[in-house]
Amino acid sequence: MVKPLTQDEVDSKIDPSVSKQWDEDTPKDEQFKDLYKIVDGLKGGLLTTIRPGVGPTSRAMAVAKRVGPDFLFLANKHSEKFDDLKNDKTAQLTFQNSSDMSWVSISGEVTTTSHDDPRIPQIYSKGVNAWFGDLGDGVHTGMPEDPRMTLIELKANYITYWKSTSTFPGFIKEVAQASMTGQVADTGINRRLTSKDIEAARYSGQ
């Protein structure tokens, strides 16, 4: 529901769209469950790497597997993103659910492996080969043993996300109401998971 802007928020130089939706009270295990529900329902997001002389560069990537707060992807080693990662291991993975506007931003560090990583055949799924093609030489097949097939692992170190508490029509209605009345829209819950929280989740198997 919409909420009024207060003088204290202005004097304190607080962003009311963040402060009114900020949640630090929910137990961390519940916060991780909500996070996983959002990302597992979307399957793919934008993976952003840092390109020398350009800056942040993004592309859509299907998640091959999520392991707790970390993510595995299958990719062609000839892709430019591998050149990016040779220079800077920093990456960001973002998701957004267009049906309710929930979003997730995951910052972390990426590691890549060779095509003989034993996890590749374990996470490979039908359809991946559509992005590789089959040369017909019995080698470049787009299958797990293809020498181009490479694994990318993003290990999270900071996560922030916003969980919608309304439907998309409800979201639009509240934003319109806030705009017309001079109040602040409050349509969801904003959370932050630090490196300490993430490490604890890995340790506990969350």
C-alpha atoms as a PDB file:
ATOM      1  CA  MET A   1       0.000   0.000   0.000  1.00  0.00           C
ATOM      2  CA  VAL A   2       1.142   3.566  -0.632  1.00  0.00           C
ATOM      3  CA  LYS A   3       2.845   5.420   2.199  1.00  0.00           C
ATOM      4  CA  PRO A   4       3.415   9.142   2.812  1.00  0.00           C
ATOM      5  CA  LEU A   5       6.811  10.762   2.375  1.00  0.00           C
ATOM      6  CA  THR A   6       8.044  12.102   5.720  1.00  0.00           C
ATOM      7  CA  GLN A   7      10.104  15.173   6.558  1.00  0.00           C
ATOM      8  CA  ASP A   8      12.583  12.929   8.386  1.00  0.00           C
ATOM      9  CA  GLU A   9      13.231  10.954   5.189  1.00  0.00           C
ATOM     10  CA  VAL A  10      13.979  14.164   3.316  1.00  0.00           C
ATOM     11  CA  ASP A  11      16.165  15.599   6.105  1.00  0.00           C
ATOM     12  CA  SER A  12      18.053  12.306   6.470  1.00  0.00           C
ATOM     13  CA  LYS A  13      18.588  12.116   2.688  1.00  0.00           C
ATOM     14  CA  ILE A  14      16.970   8.677   2.571  1.00  0.00           C
ATOM     15  CA  ASP A  15      15.530   7.186  -0.608  1.00  0.00           C
ATOM     16  CA  PRO A  16      11.940   6.465   0.505  1.00  0.00           C
ATOM     17  CA  SER A  17      11.337   3.920  -2.265  1.00  0.00           C
ATOM     18  CA  VAL A  18      14.072   1.809  -0.653  1.00  0.00           C
ATOM     19  CA  SER A  19      13.581   2.544   3.049  1.00  0.00           C
ATOM     20  CA  LYS A  20       9.853   1.814   3.015  1.00  0.00           C
ATOM     21  CA  GLN A  21      10.414  -1.615   1.463  1.00  0.00           C
ATOM     22  CA  TRP A  22      13.641  -2.599   3.234  1.00  0.00           C
ATOM     23  CA  ASP A  23      13.544  -5.878   5.164  1.00  0.00           C
ATOM     24  CA  GLU A  24      16.236  -6.852   7.655  1.00  0.00           C
ATOM     25  CA  ASP A  25      13.943  -8.687  10.074  1.00  0.00           C
ATOM     26  CA  THR A  26      13.110 -11.877   8.150  1.00  0.00           C
ATOM     27  CA  PRO A  27      15.436 -14.776   9.113  1.00  0.00           C
ATOM     28  CA  LYS A  28      18.221 -15.337   6.596  1.00  0.00           C
ATOM     29  CA  ASP A  29      17.137 -18.886   5.766  1.00  0.00           C
ATOM     30  CA  GLU A  30      13.745 -17.555   4.728  1.00  0.00           C
ATOM     31  CA  GLN A  31      15.394 -14.826   2.684  1.00  0.00           C
ATOM     32  CA  PHE A  32      17.427 -17.426   0.794  1.00  0.00           C
ATOM     33  CA  LYS A  33      14.316 -19.536   0.182  1.00  0.00           C
ATOM     34  CA  ASP A  34      12.558 -16.542  -1.348  1.00  0.00           C
ATOM     35  CA  LEU A  35      15.630 -15.759  -3.452  1.00  0.00           C
ATOM     36  CA  TYR A  36      15.807 -19.305  -4.808  1.00  0.00           C
ATOM     37  CA  LYS A  37      12.088 -19.333  -5.573  1.00  0.00           C
ATOM     38  CA  ILE A  38      12.515 -16.260  -7.779  1.00  0.00           C
ATOM     39  CA  VAL A  39      15.609 -17.397  -9.699  1.00  0.00           C
ATOM     40  CA  ASP A  40      14.568 -21.043 -10.071  1.00  0.00           C
ATOM     41  CA  GLY A  41      11.307 -19.909 -11.609  1.00  0.00           C
ATOM     42  CA  LEU A  42      13.091 -17.873 -14.283  1.00  0.00           C
ATOM     43  CA  LYS A  43      15.855 -20.285 -15.404  1.00  0.00           C
ATOM     44  CA  GLY A  44      17.846 -17.587 -17.198  1.00  0.00           C
ATOM     45  CA  GLY A  45      19.182 -14.094 -16.677  1.00  0.00           C
ATOM     46  CA  LEU A  46      21.731 -11.558 -17.875  1.00  0.00           C
ATOM     47  CA  LEU A  47      25.391 -12.309 -17.155  1.00  0.00           C
ATOM     48  CA  THR A  48      27.494  -9.152 -17.159  1.00  0.00           C
ATOM     49  CA  THR A  49      31.275  -9.155 -17.541  1.00  0.00           C
ATOM     50  CA  ILE A  50      33.773  -6.299 -17.757  1.00  0.00           C
ATOM     51  CA  ARG A  51      35.200  -5.775 -21.248  1.00  0.00           C
ATOM     52  CA  PRO A  52      38.506  -3.875 -21.521  1.00  0.00           C
ATOM     53  CA  GLY A  53      38.013  -0.480 -23.112  1.00  0.00           C
ATOM     54  CA  VAL A  54      34.232  -0.903 -23.087  1.00  0.00           C
ATOM     55  CA  GLY A  55      33.007  -1.590 -19.551  1.00  0.00           C
ATOM     56  CA  PRO A  56      30.068  -3.757 -18.448  1.00  0.00           C
ATOM     57  CA  THR A  57      28.824  -6.044 -21.237  1.00  0.00           C
ATOM     58  CA  SER A  58      25.769  -8.268 -20.799  1.00  0.00           C
ATOM     59  CA  ARG A  59      24.244 -11.253 -22.526  1.00  0.00           C
ATOM     60  CA  ALA A  60      21.386 -13.642 -21.803  1.00  0.00           C
ATOM     61  CA  MET A  61      22.465 -16.963 -20.275  1.00  0.00           C
ATOM     62  CA  ALA A  62      20.453 -20.024 -19.320  1.00  0.00           C
ATOM     63  CA  VAL A  63      21.321 -21.358 -15.867  1.00  0.00           C
ATOM     64  CA  ALA A  64      22.527 -24.944 -16.223  1.00  0.00           C
ATOM     65  CA  LYS A  65      22.444 -25.530 -12.478  1.00  0.00           C
ATOM     66  CA  ARG A  66      22.161 -23.569  -9.255  1.00  0.00           C
ATOM     67  CA  VAL A  67      24.229 -24.823  -6.323  1.00  0.00           C
ATOM     68  CA  GLY A  68      23.006 -22.897  -3.312  1.00  0.00           C
ATOM     69  CA  PRO A  69      23.847 -19.221  -3.950  1.00  0.00           C
ATOM     70  CA  ASP A  70      26.201 -20.081  -6.845  1.00  0.00           C
ATOM     71  CA  PHE A  71      25.425 -20.651 -10.532  1.00  0.00           C
ATOM     72  CA  LEU A  72      26.775 -22.880 -13.293  1.00  0.00           C
ATOM     73  CA  PHE A  73      26.532 -22.152 -17.020  1.00  0.00           C
ATOM     74  CA  LEU A  74      27.595 -23.984 -20.178  1.00  0.00           C
ATOM     75  CA  ALA A  75      29.173 -21.805 -22.852  1.00  0.00           C
ATOM     76  CA  ASN A  76      31.271 -21.887 -26.018  1.00  0.00           C
ATOM     77  CA  LYS A  77      34.901 -21.202 -25.151  1.00  0.00           C
ATOM     78  CA  HIS A  78      35.215 -19.131 -28.332  1.00  0.00           C
ATOM     79  CA  SER A  79      32.798 -16.546 -26.931  1.00  0.00           C
ATOM     80  CA  GLU A  80      34.147 -13.056 -26.211  1.00  0.00           C
ATOM     81  CA  LYS A  81      33.022 -13.319 -22.599  1.00  0.00           C
ATOM     82  CA  PHE A  82      35.973 -15.631 -21.934  1.00  0.00           C
ATOM     83  CA  ASP A  83      38.341 -12.892 -23.084  1.00  0.00           C
ATOM     84  CA  ASP A  84      36.557 -10.547 -20.668  1.00  0.00           C
ATOM     85  CA  LEU A  85      37.018 -13.007 -17.820  1.00  0.00           C
ATOM     86  CA  LYS A  86      40.719 -13.439 -18.499  1.00  0.00           C
ATOM     87  CA  ASN A  87      41.139  -9.759 -17.659  1.00  0.00           C
ATOM     88  CA  ASP A  88      38.589  -9.425 -14.868  1.00  0.00           C
ATOM     89  CA  LYS A  89      36.907 -12.274 -12.985  1.00  0.00           C
ATOM     90  CA  THR A  90      34.225  -9.951 -11.632  1.00  0.00           C
ATOM     91  CA  ALA A  91      30.718 -10.585 -12.960  1.00  0.00           C
ATOM     92  CA  GLN A  92      27.106  -9.797 -12.209  1.00  0.00           C
ATOM     93  CA  LEU A  93      24.052 -11.960 -12.811  1.00  0.00           C
ATOM     94  CA  THR A  94      20.614 -10.329 -12.923  1.00  0.00           C
ATOM     95  CA  PHE A  95      17.090 -11.698 -13.174  1.00  0.00           C
ATOM     96  CA  GLN A  96      13.696 -10.053 -13.535  1.00  0.00           C
ATOM     97  CA  ASN A  97      10.241 -11.595 -13.499  1.00  0.00           C
ATOM     98  CA  SER A  98       8.112  -9.595 -15.924  1.00  0.00           C
ATOM     99  CA  SER A  99       4.895 -11.027 -14.452  1.00  0.00           C
ATOM    100  CA  ASP A 100       5.296  -9.316 -11.056  1.00  0.00           C
ATOM    101  CA  MET A 101       8.487  -7.200 -11.501  1.00  0.00           C
ATOM    102  CA  SER A 102      10.515  -9.104  -8.875  1.00  0.00           C
ATOM    103  CA  TRP A 103      14.244  -8.790  -9.564  1.00  0.00           C
ATOM    104  CA  VAL A 104      17.578 -10.195  -8.373  1.00  0.00           C
ATOM    105  CA  SER A 105      21.136  -8.865  -8.676  1.00  0.00           C
ATOM    106  CA  ILE A 106      24.043 -11.179  -7.845  1.00  0.00           C
ATOM    107  CA  SER A 107      27.645  -9.952  -7.814  1.00  0.00           C
ATOM    108  CA  GLY A 108      30.539 -12.350  -7.611  1.00  0.00           C
ATOM    109  CA  GLU A 109      33.645 -13.857  -9.107  1.00  0.00           C
ATOM    110  CA  VAL A 110      33.750 -16.260 -12.026  1.00  0.00           C
ATOM    111  CA  THR A 111      35.902 -19.314 -12.622  1.00  0.00           C
ATOM    112  CA  THR A 112      36.013 -21.241 -15.892  1.00  0.00           C
ATOM    113  CA  THR A 113      37.082 -24.816 -16.549  1.00  0.00           C
ATOM    114  CA  SER A 114      38.202 -26.940 -19.487  1.00  0.00           C
ATOM    115  CA  HIS A 115      35.800 -29.069 -21.523  1.00  0.00           C
ATOM    116  CA  ASP A 116      36.746 -32.217 -19.581  1.00  0.00           C
ATOM    117  CA  ASP A 117      35.236 -30.922 -16.322  1.00  0.00           C
ATOM    118  CA  PRO A 118      33.206 -33.907 -14.987  1.00  0.00           C
ATOM    119  CA  ARG A 119      30.316 -31.613 -14.113  1.00  0.00           C
ATOM    120  CA  ILE A 120      29.616 -30.789 -17.775  1.00  0.00           C
ATOM    121  CA  PRO A 121      27.867 -34.074 -18.682  1.00  0.00           C
ATOM    122  CA  GLN A 122      26.025 -33.935 -15.357  1.00  0.00           C
ATOM    123  CA  ILE A 123      24.421 -30.550 -16.051  1.00  0.00           C
ATOM    124  CA  TYR A 124      24.146 -30.802 -19.839  1.00  0.00           C
ATOM    125  CA  SER A 125      20.565 -30.857 -21.105  1.00  0.00           C
ATOM    126  CA  LYS A 126      18.903 -31.382 -24.450  1.00  0.00           C
ATOM    127  CA  GLY A 127      18.796 -28.149 -26.391  1.00  0.00           C
ATOM    128  CA  VAL A 128      22.220 -26.851 -25.382  1.00  0.00           C
ATOM    129  CA  ASN A 129      23.586 -28.146 -28.690  1.00  0.00           C
ATOM    130  CA  ALA A 130      21.299 -25.689 -30.526  1.00  0.00           C
ATOM    131  CA  TRP A 131      23.759 -22.931 -29.580  1.00  0.00           C
ATOM    132  CA  PHE A 132      26.835 -24.850 -30.751  1.00  0.00           C
ATOM    133  CA  GLY A 133      25.887 -26.615 -33.982  1.00  0.00           C
ATOM    134  CA  ASP A 134      27.244 -29.942 -35.263  1.00  0.00           C
ATOM    135  CA  LEU A 135      30.128 -29.777 -37.755  1.00  0.00           C
ATOM    136  CA  GLY A 136      29.609 -33.440 -38.638  1.00  0.00           C
ATOM    137  CA  ASP A 137      33.207 -34.362 -37.859  1.00  0.00           C
ATOM    138  CA  GLY A 138      32.325 -36.409 -34.776  1.00  0.00           C
ATOM    139  CA  VAL A 139      34.170 -33.914 -32.587  1.00  0.00           C
ATOM    140  CA  HIS A 140      32.401 -30.564 -32.764  1.00  0.00           C
ATOM    141  CA  THR A 141      28.989 -32.046 -32.039  1.00  0.00           C
ATOM    142  CA  GLY A 142      27.543 -29.607 -29.528  1.00  0.00           C
ATOM    143  CA  MET A 143      27.429 -32.477 -27.042  1.00  0.00           C
ATOM    144  CA  PRO A 144      29.160 -32.634 -23.625  1.00  0.00           C
ATOM    145  CA  GLU A 145      32.407 -34.000 -25.119  1.00  0.00           C
ATOM    146  CA  ASP A 146      32.671 -31.145 -27.645  1.00  0.00           C
ATOM    147  CA  PRO A 147      36.035 -29.377 -26.984  1.00  0.00           C
ATOM    148  CA  ARG A 148      34.229 -26.015 -27.240  1.00  0.00           C
ATOM    149  CA  MET A 149      31.944 -26.894 -24.317  1.00  0.00           C
ATOM    150  CA  THR A 150      33.115 -24.985 -21.242  1.00  0.00           C
ATOM    151  CA  LEU A 151      31.738 -24.488 -17.749  1.00  0.00           C
ATOM    152  CA  ILE A 152      31.374 -21.071 -16.142  1.00  0.00           C
ATOM    153  CA  GLU A 153      30.841 -20.899 -12.386  1.00  0.00           C
ATOM    154  CA  LEU A 154      29.697 -17.700 -10.685  1.00  0.00           C
ATOM    155  CA  LYS A 155      30.371 -17.717  -6.958  1.00  0.00           C
ATOM    156  CA  ALA A 156      28.258 -15.025  -5.335  1.00  0.00           C
ATOM    157  CA  ASN A 157      29.681 -12.556  -2.817  1.00  0.00           C
ATOM    158  CA  TYR A 158      26.834 -10.011  -2.677  1.00  0.00           C
ATOM    159  CA  ILE A 159      23.143 -10.369  -3.458  1.00  0.00           C
ATOM    160  CA  THR A 160      20.313  -7.893  -3.425  1.00  0.00           C
ATOM    161  CA  TYR A 161      16.790  -8.583  -4.533  1.00  0.00           C
ATOM    162  CA  TRP A 162      13.288  -7.204  -4.538  1.00  0.00           C
ATOM    163  CA  LYS A 163      10.336  -9.525  -4.003  1.00  0.00           C
ATOM    164  CA  SER A 164       6.965  -8.328  -5.217  1.00  0.00           C
ATOM    165  CA  THR A 165       4.066  -8.545  -2.770  1.00  0.00           C
ATOM    166  CA  SER A 166       1.426  -7.854  -5.415  1.00  0.00           C
ATOM    167  CA  THR A 167       0.366  -8.979  -8.860  1.00  0.00           C
ATOM    168  CA  PHE A 168       1.423  -7.000 -11.918  1.00  0.00           C
ATOM    169  CA  PRO A 169      -1.974  -5.254 -12.171  1.00  0.00           C
ATOM    170  CA  GLY A 170      -1.698  -4.466  -8.455  1.00  0.00           C
ATOM    171  CA  PHE A 171       1.794  -3.098  -9.006  1.00  0.00           C
ATOM    172  CA  ILE A 172       0.578  -0.776 -11.770  1.00  0.00           C
ATOM    173  CA  LYS A 173      -2.406   0.353  -9.683  1.00  0.00           C
ATOM    174  CA  GLU A 174      -0.258   1.217  -6.664  1.00  0.00           C
ATOM    175  CA  VAL A 175       2.323   3.096  -8.711  1.00  0.00           C
ATOM    176  CA  ALA A 176      -0.474   5.108 -10.339  1.00  0.00           C
ATOM    177  CA  GLN A 177      -2.048   5.835  -6.943  1.00  0.00           C
ATOM    178  CA  ALA A 178       1.276   6.978  -5.501  1.00  0.00           C
ATOM    179  CA  SER A 179       1.882   9.201  -8.512  1.00  0.00           C
ATOM    180  CA  MET A 180      -1.532  10.864  -8.234  1.00  0.00           C
ATOM    181  CA  THR A 181      -1.456  11.396  -4.452  1.00  0.00           C
ATOM    182  CA  GLY A 182       2.170  12.387  -3.889  1.00  0.00           C
ATOM    183  CA  GLN A 183       2.814   9.321  -1.745  1.00  0.00           C
ATOM    184  CA  VAL A 184       5.423   6.576  -2.160  1.00  0.00           C
ATOM    185  CA  ALA A 185       4.651   3.203  -3.740  1.00  0.00           C
ATOM    186  CA  ASP A 186       5.256   0.210  -1.468  1.00  0.00           C
ATOM    187  CA  THR A 187       4.805  -2.847  -3.665  1.00  0.00           C
ATOM    188  CA  GLY A 188       7.367  -5.311  -2.355  1.00  0.00           C
ATOM    189  CA  ILE A 189      10.259  -6.254  -0.101  1.00  0.00           C
ATOM    190  CA  ASN A 190      13.885  -5.249  -0.666  1.00  0.00           C
ATOM    191  CA  ARG A 191      16.628  -7.431   0.843  1.00  0.00           C
ATOM    192  CA  ARG A 192      20.406  -7.692   0.926  1.00  0.00           C
ATOM    193  CA  LEU A 193      22.600 -10.763   1.517  1.00  0.00           C
ATOM    194  CA  THR A 194      26.231 -10.067   2.377  1.00  0.00           C
ATOM    195  CA  SER A 195      29.296 -12.223   1.792  1.00  0.00           C
ATOM    196  CA  LYS A 196      28.984 -13.408   5.406  1.00  0.00           C
ATOM    197  CA  ASP A 197      25.366 -14.469   4.841  1.00  0.00           C
ATOM    198  CA  ILE A 198      26.277 -16.218   1.586  1.00  0.00           C
ATOM    199  CA  GLU A 199      29.190 -18.110   3.096  1.00  0.00           C
ATOM    200  CA  ALA A 200      26.950 -19.270   5.938  1.00  0.00           C
ATOM    201  CA  ALA A 201      24.383 -20.492   3.385  1.00  0.00           C
ATOM    202  CA  ARG A 202      27.059 -22.478   1.524  1.00  0.00           C
ATOM    203  CA  TYR A 203      28.282 -24.012   4.760  1.00  0.00           C
ATOM    204  CA  SER A 204      24.791 -25.036   5.820  1.00  0.00           C
ATOM    205  CA  GLY A 205      23.916 -26.404   2.392  1.00  0.00           C
ATOM    206  CA  GLN A 206      21.157 -23.865   1.788  1.00  0.00           C
END
